[in-house]
C-alpha atoms as a PDB file:
ATOM      1  CA  UNK A   1       0.000   0.000   0.000  1.00  0.00           C
ATOM      2  CA  UNK A   2       2.692   2.497   1.014  1.00  0.00           C
ATOM      3  CA  UNK A   3       5.206   3.973  -1.399  1.00  0.00           C
ATOM      4  CA  UNK A   4       8.652   3.366   0.005  1.00  0.00           C
ATOM      5  CA  UNK A   5      10.242   5.990  -2.270  1.00  0.00           C
ATOM      6  CA  UNK A   6       8.193   8.556  -0.364  1.00  0.00           C
ATOM      7  CA  UNK A   7      10.729  10.468   1.740  1.00  0.00           C
ATOM      8  CA  UNK A   8       8.231  11.436   4.405  1.00  0.00           C
ATOM      9  CA  UNK A   9       8.671  10.288   7.956  1.00  0.00           C
ATOM     10  CA  UNK A  10       5.907  10.421  10.540  1.00  0.00           C
ATOM     11  CA  UNK A  11       6.688  11.059  14.197  1.00  0.00           C
ATOM     12  CA  UNK A  12       3.756   9.900  16.292  1.00  0.00           C
ATOM     13  CA  UNK A  13       3.629  11.711  19.631  1.00  0.00           C
ATOM     14  CA  UNK A  14       2.014   9.868  22.529  1.00  0.00           C
ATOM     15  CA  UNK A  15       1.864  11.960  25.696  1.00  0.00           C
ATOM     16  CA  UNK A  16       1.117   9.527  28.543  1.00  0.00           C
ATOM     17  CA  UNK A  17       0.055   9.747  32.145  1.00  0.00           C
ATOM     18  CA  UNK A  18      -1.018   6.507  33.826  1.00  0.00           C
ATOM     19  CA  UNK A  19      -1.608   4.559  30.604  1.00  0.00           C
ATOM     20  CA  UNK A  20       0.116   1.299  31.551  1.00  0.00           C
ATOM     21  CA  UNK A  21      -2.802  -0.866  30.413  1.00  0.00           C
ATOM     22  CA  UNK A  22      -3.401   1.062  27.210  1.00  0.00           C
ATOM     23  CA  UNK A  23       0.111   1.751  25.963  1.00  0.00           C
ATOM     24  CA  UNK A  24       0.995  -1.779  24.747  1.00  0.00           C
ATOM     25  CA  UNK A  25      -2.302  -1.984  22.848  1.00  0.00           C
ATOM     26  CA  UNK A  26      -2.064   1.422  21.215  1.00  0.00           C
ATOM     27  CA  UNK A  27       1.583   0.860  20.250  1.00  0.00           C
ATOM     28  CA  UNK A  28       0.770  -2.556  18.810  1.00  0.00           C
ATOM     29  CA  UNK A  29      -2.043  -1.027  16.731  1.00  0.00           C
ATOM     30  CA  UNK A  30       0.109   1.860  15.475  1.00  0.00           C
ATOM     31  CA  UNK A  31       2.908  -0.525  14.500  1.00  0.00           C
ATOM     32  CA  UNK A  32       0.453  -2.838  12.757  1.00  0.00           C
ATOM     33  CA  UNK A  33      -1.158  -0.134  10.604  1.00  0.00           C
ATOM     34  CA  UNK A  34       2.022   1.838   9.903  1.00  0.00           C
ATOM     35  CA  UNK A  35       4.007  -1.289   8.977  1.00  0.00           C
ATOM     36  CA  UNK A  36       1.253  -2.454   6.624  1.00  0.00           C
ATOM     37  CA  UNK A  37       1.186   0.960   4.959  1.00  0.00           C
ATOM     38  CA  UNK A  38       4.948   1.015   4.415  1.00  0.00           C
ATOM     39  CA  UNK A  39       5.356   4.555   5.765  1.00  0.00           C
ATOM     40  CA  UNK A  40       8.487   5.461   7.692  1.00  0.00           C
ATOM     41  CA  UNK A  41       7.607   6.333  11.285  1.00  0.00           C
ATOM     42  CA  UNK A  42       8.624   6.526  14.918  1.00  0.00           C
ATOM     43  CA  UNK A  43       6.516   6.540  18.078  1.00  0.00           C
ATOM     44  CA  UNK A  44       7.652   9.076  20.666  1.00  0.00           C
ATOM     45  CA  UNK A  45       6.362   8.282  24.146  1.00  0.00           C
ATOM     46  CA  UNK A  46       6.388  11.313  26.425  1.00  0.00           C
ATOM     47  CA  UNK A  47       5.532  10.073  29.880  1.00  0.00           C
ATOM     48  CA  UNK A  48       4.983  12.667  32.587  1.00  0.00           C
ATOM     49  CA  UNK A  49       6.256  10.709  35.584  1.00  0.00           C
ATOM     50  CA  UNK A  50       3.319   8.273  35.769  1.00  0.00           C
ATOM     51  CA  UNK A  51       3.238   6.503  39.121  1.00  0.00           C
ATOM     52  CA  UNK A  52       1.525   3.426  37.627  1.00  0.00           C
ATOM     53  CA  UNK A  53       4.537   2.047  35.767  1.00  0.00           C
ATOM     54  CA  UNK A  54       3.726   3.409  32.287  1.00  0.00           C
ATOM     55  CA  UNK A  55       7.405   4.119  31.666  1.00  0.00           C
ATOM     56  CA  UNK A  56       8.393   0.553  32.606  1.00  0.00           C
ATOM     57  CA  UNK A  57       5.803  -0.732  30.126  1.00  0.00           C
ATOM     58  CA  UNK A  58       7.247   1.640  27.515  1.00  0.00           C
ATOM     59  CA  UNK A  59      10.742   0.260  28.137  1.00  0.00           C
ATOM     60  CA  UNK A  60       9.453  -3.254  27.491  1.00  0.00           C
ATOM     61  CA  UNK A  61       7.909  -2.045  24.227  1.00  0.00           C
ATOM     62  CA  UNK A  62      11.214  -0.425  23.290  1.00  0.00           C
ATOM     63  CA  UNK A  63      12.871  -3.837  23.709  1.00  0.00           C
ATOM     64  CA  UNK A  64      10.226  -5.533  21.577  1.00  0.00           C
ATOM     65  CA  UNK A  65      10.049  -3.034  18.704  1.00  0.00           C
ATOM     66  CA  UNK A  66      13.507  -1.468  18.898  1.00  0.00           C
ATOM     67  CA  UNK A  67      14.774   2.040  19.579  1.00  0.00           C
ATOM     68  CA  UNK A  68      14.202   3.213  15.995  1.00  0.00           C
ATOM     69  CA  UNK A  69      10.465   2.635  16.314  1.00  0.00           C
ATOM     70  CA  UNK A  70       9.937   3.458  19.995  1.00  0.00           C
ATOM     71  CA  UNK A  71      11.577   6.623  21.264  1.00  0.00           C
ATOM     72  CA  UNK A  72      11.235   7.273  24.994  1.00  0.00           C
ATOM     73  CA  UNK A  73      11.381  10.900  26.071  1.00  0.00           C
ATOM     74  CA  UNK A  74      10.005  10.903  29.629  1.00  0.00           C
ATOM     75  CA  UNK A  75       9.746  13.892  31.935  1.00  0.00           C
ATOM     76  CA  UNK A  76      10.010  13.991  35.710  1.00  0.00           C
ATOM     77  CA  UNK A  77       6.525  15.231  36.495  1.00  0.00           C
ATOM     78  CA  UNK A  78       3.133  16.127  35.069  1.00  0.00           C
ATOM     79  CA  UNK A  79       3.790  19.227  32.994  1.00  0.00           C
ATOM     80  CA  UNK A  80       0.757  19.211  30.731  1.00  0.00           C
ATOM     81  CA  UNK A  81      -0.100  18.640  27.099  1.00  0.00           C
ATOM     82  CA  UNK A  82       1.158  21.832  25.485  1.00  0.00           C
ATOM     83  CA  UNK A  83       4.663  21.387  26.832  1.00  0.00           C
ATOM     84  CA  UNK A  84       4.569  17.662  26.035  1.00  0.00           C
ATOM     85  CA  UNK A  85       4.147  18.539  22.355  1.00  0.00           C
ATOM     86  CA  UNK A  86       6.971  21.087  22.462  1.00  0.00           C
ATOM     87  CA  UNK A  87       9.149  18.456  24.156  1.00  0.00           C
ATOM     88  CA  UNK A  88       8.109  15.886  21.533  1.00  0.00           C
ATOM     89  CA  UNK A  89       8.762  18.126  18.526  1.00  0.00           C
ATOM     90  CA  UNK A  90      12.306  18.758  19.779  1.00  0.00           C
ATOM     91  CA  UNK A  91      13.032  15.043  19.627  1.00  0.00           C
ATOM     92  CA  UNK A  92      11.063  14.185  16.488  1.00  0.00           C
ATOM     93  CA  UNK A  93      13.065  13.182  13.421  1.00  0.00           C
ATOM     94  CA  UNK A  94      10.028  13.074  11.122  1.00  0.00           C
ATOM     95  CA  UNK A  95       8.936  15.907   8.836  1.00  0.00           C
ATOM     96  CA  UNK A  96       5.342  15.174   9.836  1.00  0.00           C
ATOM     97  CA  UNK A  97       3.967  14.925  13.346  1.00  0.00           C
ATOM     98  CA  UNK A  98       0.936  12.930  14.392  1.00  0.00           C
ATOM     99  CA  UNK A  99      -0.583  13.819  17.735  1.00  0.00           C
ATOM    100  CA  UNK A 100      -2.967  11.388  19.383  1.00  0.00           C
ATOM    101  CA  UNK A 101      -4.130  10.154  22.774  1.00  0.00           C
ATOM    102  CA  UNK A 102      -2.592   7.019  24.225  1.00  0.00           C
ATOM    103  CA  UNK A 103      -5.810   5.978  25.978  1.00  0.00           C
ATOM    104  CA  UNK A 104      -7.342   4.091  23.016  1.00  0.00           C
ATOM    105  CA  UNK A 105      -9.910   6.789  22.332  1.00  0.00           C
ATOM    106  CA  UNK A 106      -8.186   7.320  18.967  1.00  0.00           C
ATOM    107  CA  UNK A 107      -7.850   4.415  16.565  1.00  0.00           C
ATOM    108  CA  UNK A 108      -4.521   4.375  14.701  1.00  0.00           C
ATOM    109  CA  UNK A 109      -6.223   3.256  11.459  1.00  0.00           C
ATOM    110  CA  UNK A 110      -7.316   6.876  10.989  1.00  0.00           C
ATOM    111  CA  UNK A 111      -3.663   7.978  10.766  1.00  0.00           C
ATOM    112  CA  UNK A 112      -3.516   6.415   7.286  1.00  0.00           C
ATOM    113  CA  UNK A 113      -6.604   8.347   6.185  1.00  0.00           C
ATOM    114  CA  UNK A 114      -5.077  11.570   7.491  1.00  0.00           C
ATOM    115  CA  UNK A 115      -1.837  10.864   5.648  1.00  0.00           C
ATOM    116  CA  UNK A 116      -3.554  10.202   2.320  1.00  0.00           C
ATOM    117  CA  UNK A 117      -5.734  13.336   2.595  1.00  0.00           C
ATOM    118  CA  UNK A 118      -2.642  15.373   3.488  1.00  0.00           C
ATOM    119  CA  UNK A 119      -0.785  14.004   0.458  1.00  0.00           C
ATOM    120  CA  UNK A 120      -3.676  14.509  -1.965  1.00  0.00           C
ATOM    121  CA  UNK A 121      -4.086  18.178  -1.090  1.00  0.00           C
ATOM    122  CA  UNK A 122      -0.667  19.010   0.376  1.00  0.00           C
ATOM    123  CA  UNK A 123      -2.340  20.251   3.561  1.00  0.00           C
ATOM    124  CA  UNK A 124      -0.549  21.898   6.477  1.00  0.00           C
ATOM    125  CA  UNK A 125      -2.719  20.159   9.005  1.00  0.00           C
ATOM    126  CA  UNK A 126      -5.321  17.404   9.072  1.00  0.00           C
ATOM    127  CA  UNK A 127      -7.673  17.100  11.995  1.00  0.00           C
ATOM    128  CA  UNK A 128      -9.742  14.096  13.009  1.00  0.00           C
ATOM    129  CA  UNK A 129     -13.337  15.163  13.526  1.00  0.00           C
ATOM    130  CA  UNK A 130     -16.063  13.471  15.545  1.00  0.00           C
ATOM    131  CA  UNK A 131     -18.746  15.734  14.107  1.00  0.00           C
ATOM    132  CA  UNK A 132     -18.663  15.220  10.354  1.00  0.00           C
ATOM    133  CA  UNK A 133     -19.626  12.374   8.035  1.00  0.00           C
ATOM    134  CA  UNK A 134     -19.054   8.998   9.621  1.00  0.00           C
ATOM    135  CA  UNK A 135     -17.408  10.455  12.735  1.00  0.00           C
ATOM    136  CA  UNK A 136     -18.912   9.725  16.108  1.00  0.00           C
ATOM    137  CA  UNK A 137     -18.473   9.218  19.821  1.00  0.00           C
ATOM    138  CA  UNK A 138     -18.906   5.874  21.559  1.00  0.00           C
ATOM    139  CA  UNK A 139     -19.211   5.226  25.263  1.00  0.00           C
ATOM    140  CA  UNK A 140     -19.904   8.832  26.203  1.00  0.00           C
ATOM    141  CA  UNK A 141     -22.830   9.452  28.464  1.00  0.00           C
ATOM    142  CA  UNK A 142     -25.344  12.151  27.600  1.00  0.00           C
ATOM    143  CA  UNK A 143     -23.714  14.737  29.870  1.00  0.00           C
ATOM    144  CA  UNK A 144     -20.286  14.313  28.281  1.00  0.00           C
ATOM    145  CA  UNK A 145     -21.771  14.490  24.788  1.00  0.00           C
ATOM    146  CA  UNK A 146     -23.703  17.592  25.704  1.00  0.00           C
ATOM    147  CA  UNK A 147     -20.626  19.276  27.169  1.00  0.00           C
ATOM    148  CA  UNK A 148     -18.469  18.343  24.189  1.00  0.00           C
ATOM    149  CA  UNK A 149     -21.040  19.435  21.602  1.00  0.00           C
ATOM    150  CA  UNK A 150     -21.809  22.518  23.650  1.00  0.00           C
ATOM    151  CA  UNK A 151     -18.162  23.505  23.917  1.00  0.00           C
ATOM    152  CA  UNK A 152     -17.795  22.994  20.204  1.00  0.00           C
ATOM    153  CA  UNK A 153     -20.948  24.987  19.440  1.00  0.00           C
ATOM    154  CA  UNK A 154     -19.925  27.972  21.599  1.00  0.00           C
ATOM    155  CA  UNK A 155     -16.522  27.970  19.928  1.00  0.00           C
ATOM    156  CA  UNK A 156     -17.982  27.831  16.425  1.00  0.00           C
ATOM    157  CA  UNK A 157     -20.245  30.715  17.342  1.00  0.00           C
ATOM    158  CA  UNK A 158     -17.544  32.928  18.835  1.00  0.00           C
ATOM    159  CA  UNK A 159     -14.560  32.161  16.662  1.00  0.00           C
ATOM    160  CA  UNK A 160     -15.810  30.620  13.377  1.00  0.00           C
ATOM    161  CA  UNK A 161     -12.626  28.584  13.066  1.00  0.00           C
ATOM    162  CA  UNK A 162     -13.438  26.766   9.829  1.00  0.00           C
ATOM    163  CA  UNK A 163     -13.070  23.303  11.367  1.00  0.00           C
ATOM    164  CA  UNK A 164     -15.785  21.171  12.872  1.00  0.00           C
ATOM    165  CA  UNK A 165     -13.931  19.568  15.765  1.00  0.00           C
ATOM    166  CA  UNK A 166     -11.772  21.921  17.743  1.00  0.00           C
ATOM    167  CA  UNK A 167     -11.138  20.124  20.962  1.00  0.00           C
ATOM    168  CA  UNK A 168     -10.094  16.936  19.238  1.00  0.00           C
ATOM    169  CA  UNK A 169      -6.536  15.911  19.890  1.00  0.00           C
ATOM    170  CA  UNK A 170      -6.032  13.567  16.946  1.00  0.00           C
ATOM    171  CA  UNK A 171      -4.156  15.477  14.279  1.00  0.00           C
ATOM    172  CA  UNK A 172      -1.451  15.360  11.637  1.00  0.00           C
ATOM    173  CA  UNK A 173       0.791  18.380  11.137  1.00  0.00           C
ATOM    174  CA  UNK A 174       3.687  19.335   8.922  1.00  0.00           C
ATOM    175  CA  UNK A 175       6.457  19.613  11.484  1.00  0.00           C
ATOM    176  CA  UNK A 176       7.433  23.211  10.702  1.00  0.00           C
ATOM    177  CA  UNK A 177       3.775  24.246  10.781  1.00  0.00           C
ATOM    178  CA  UNK A 178       3.289  22.641  14.186  1.00  0.00           C
ATOM    179  CA  UNK A 179       6.386  24.402  15.418  1.00  0.00           C
ATOM    180  CA  UNK A 180       5.058  27.805  14.356  1.00  0.00           C
ATOM    181  CA  UNK A 181       1.674  27.069  15.902  1.00  0.00           C
ATOM    182  CA  UNK A 182       3.068  25.916  19.220  1.00  0.00           C
ATOM    183  CA  UNK A 183       5.180  29.062  19.399  1.00  0.00           C
ATOM    184  CA  UNK A 184       2.133  31.265  18.845  1.00  0.00           C
ATOM    185  CA  UNK A 185      -0.075  29.476  21.366  1.00  0.00           C
ATOM    186  CA  UNK A 186      -0.600  30.828  24.857  1.00  0.00           C
ATOM    187  CA  UNK A 187      -2.989  28.312  26.420  1.00  0.00           C
ATOM    188  CA  UNK A 188      -2.123  25.159  28.271  1.00  0.00           C
ATOM    189  CA  UNK A 189      -4.031  21.920  28.641  1.00  0.00           C
ATOM    190  CA  UNK A 190      -7.431  21.291  27.191  1.00  0.00           C
ATOM    191  CA  UNK A 191      -7.864  24.576  25.273  1.00  0.00           C
ATOM    192  CA  UNK A 192      -4.468  24.186  23.656  1.00  0.00           C
ATOM    193  CA  UNK A 193      -5.919  21.930  20.921  1.00  0.00           C
ATOM    194  CA  UNK A 194      -8.521  24.489  20.072  1.00  0.00           C
ATOM    195  CA  UNK A 195      -6.182  27.412  20.002  1.00  0.00           C
ATOM    196  CA  UNK A 196      -3.957  25.500  17.578  1.00  0.00           C
ATOM    197  CA  UNK A 197      -6.774  25.375  15.015  1.00  0.00           C
ATOM    198  CA  UNK A 198      -7.700  29.026  15.522  1.00  0.00           C
ATOM    199  CA  UNK A 199      -4.087  30.153  15.126  1.00  0.00           C
ATOM    200  CA  UNK A 200      -3.712  27.905  12.093  1.00  0.00           C
ATOM    201  CA  UNK A 201      -6.580  29.698  10.431  1.00  0.00           C
ATOM    202  CA  UNK A 202      -5.168  33.114  11.358  1.00  0.00           C
ATOM    203  CA  UNK A 203      -1.817  32.166   9.843  1.00  0.00           C
ATOM    204  CA  UNK A 204      -3.609  30.896   6.707  1.00  0.00           C
ATOM    205  CA  UNK A 205      -2.444  27.322   7.020  1.00  0.00           C
ATOM    206  CA  UNK A 206      -4.503  24.811   5.051  1.00  0.00           C
ATOM    207  CA  UNK A 207      -6.690  22.543   7.179  1.00  0.00           C
ATOM    208  CA  UNK A 208      -8.323  19.254   6.177  1.00  0.00           C
ATOM    209  CA  UNK A 209     -10.626  16.977   8.148  1.00  0.00           C
ATOM    210  CA  UNK A 210     -11.046  13.228   8.367  1.00  0.00           C
ATOM    211  CA  UNK A 211     -14.087  11.722  10.124  1.00  0.00           C
ATOM    212  CA  UNK A 212     -13.001   9.608  13.088  1.00  0.00           C
ATOM    213  CA  UNK A 213     -14.855   7.556  15.624  1.00  0.00           C
ATOM    214  CA  UNK A 214     -13.844   8.422  19.122  1.00  0.00           C
ATOM    215  CA  UNK A 215     -14.099   5.824  21.849  1.00  0.00           C
ATOM    216  CA  UNK A 216     -14.168   7.019  25.433  1.00  0.00           C
ATOM    217  CA  UNK A 217     -11.404   5.923  27.765  1.00  0.00           C
ATOM    218  CA  UNK A 218     -11.280   2.192  28.307  1.00  0.00           C
ATOM    219  CA  UNK A 219      -9.362   2.463  31.573  1.00  0.00           C
ATOM    220  CA  UNK A 220      -8.790   5.320  33.926  1.00  0.00           C
ATOM    221  CA  UNK A 221     -10.690   8.459  34.723  1.00  0.00           C
ATOM    222  CA  UNK A 222     -12.170  10.868  32.233  1.00  0.00           C
ATOM    223  CA  UNK A 223     -10.101  14.009  31.756  1.00  0.00           C
ATOM    224  CA  UNK A 224     -13.132  16.289  31.622  1.00  0.00           C
ATOM    225  CA  UNK A 225     -14.293  17.426  35.046  1.00  0.00           C
ATOM    226  CA  UNK A 226     -16.270  20.483  36.106  1.00  0.00           C
ATOM    227  CA  UNK A 227     -13.141  22.536  36.802  1.00  0.00           C
ATOM    228  CA  UNK A 228     -11.833  21.806  33.310  1.00  0.00           C
ATOM    229  CA  UNK A 229     -15.084  22.931  31.753  1.00  0.00           C
ATOM    230  CA  UNK A 230     -14.880  26.173  33.717  1.00  0.00           C
ATOM    231  CA  UNK A 231     -11.241  26.636  32.593  1.00  0.00           C
ATOM    232  CA  UNK A 232     -12.302  25.853  29.060  1.00  0.00           C
ATOM    233  CA  UNK A 233     -15.011  28.525  28.938  1.00  0.00           C
ATOM    234  CA  UNK A 234     -12.721  31.047  30.616  1.00  0.00           C
ATOM    235  CA  UNK A 235      -9.901  30.422  28.123  1.00  0.00           C
ATOM    236  CA  UNK A 236     -12.373  30.479  25.272  1.00  0.00           C
ATOM    237  CA  UNK A 237     -13.549  33.949  26.232  1.00  0.00           C
ATOM    238  CA  UNK A 238      -9.940  35.026  26.548  1.00  0.00           C
ATOM    239  CA  UNK A 239      -9.197  33.731  23.058  1.00  0.00           C
ATOM    240  CA  UNK A 240     -12.316  35.440  21.749  1.00  0.00           C
ATOM    241  CA  UNK A 241     -11.144  38.719  23.250  1.00  0.00           C
ATOM    242  CA  UNK A 242      -7.631  38.441  21.836  1.00  0.00           C
ATOM    243  CA  UNK A 243      -8.081  36.977  18.363  1.00  0.00           C
END
């Protein structure tokens, strides 16, 4: 399927915090789909000092798949998503960066769809969307769906970003584009994903979308609590005021 004369290399960034059960599965799936496609890739695991032994699991995976495929770039403590990406980009040898969650809510098969859309249209960034075409959310209760849709709706209303899924964290970027975006972003955490899309539009980068199905966390706690929603709305209003 893949064209081996294609000089592109994909660095897949997996920020982890307490994902010991999920990491071996997600890595296995990424390896399976990327190997079948013939694309050159590496998986960069950025663990933020997980107390559950995620890093030990990652070291086992490094032994199994080798240091060319699995690149471990841990950090001492929980420093958040935004900085995890900056940390990851520094160590990435690919000219494309894939960002996804390690908790099995994102299926690696969609990476291949993102890559082919990117190649067809030479896009700067491709975002997985839960809200278009065949995209969807599984395992979310009504409240979570309402919050997610609501957050997305408010954002569309205020900022008209030209993308249907702003809080999604499953994306493919040209590395230099991601670098520019990260440098121009001010938010941390949950809103970071959204700001990336808004800045991308401001800087006139080309954005494509691929429908994805999103499966809620298999293990562990949901990341979206009341305090995060409050932070989200607050940051959103800040972005609205400044962009």
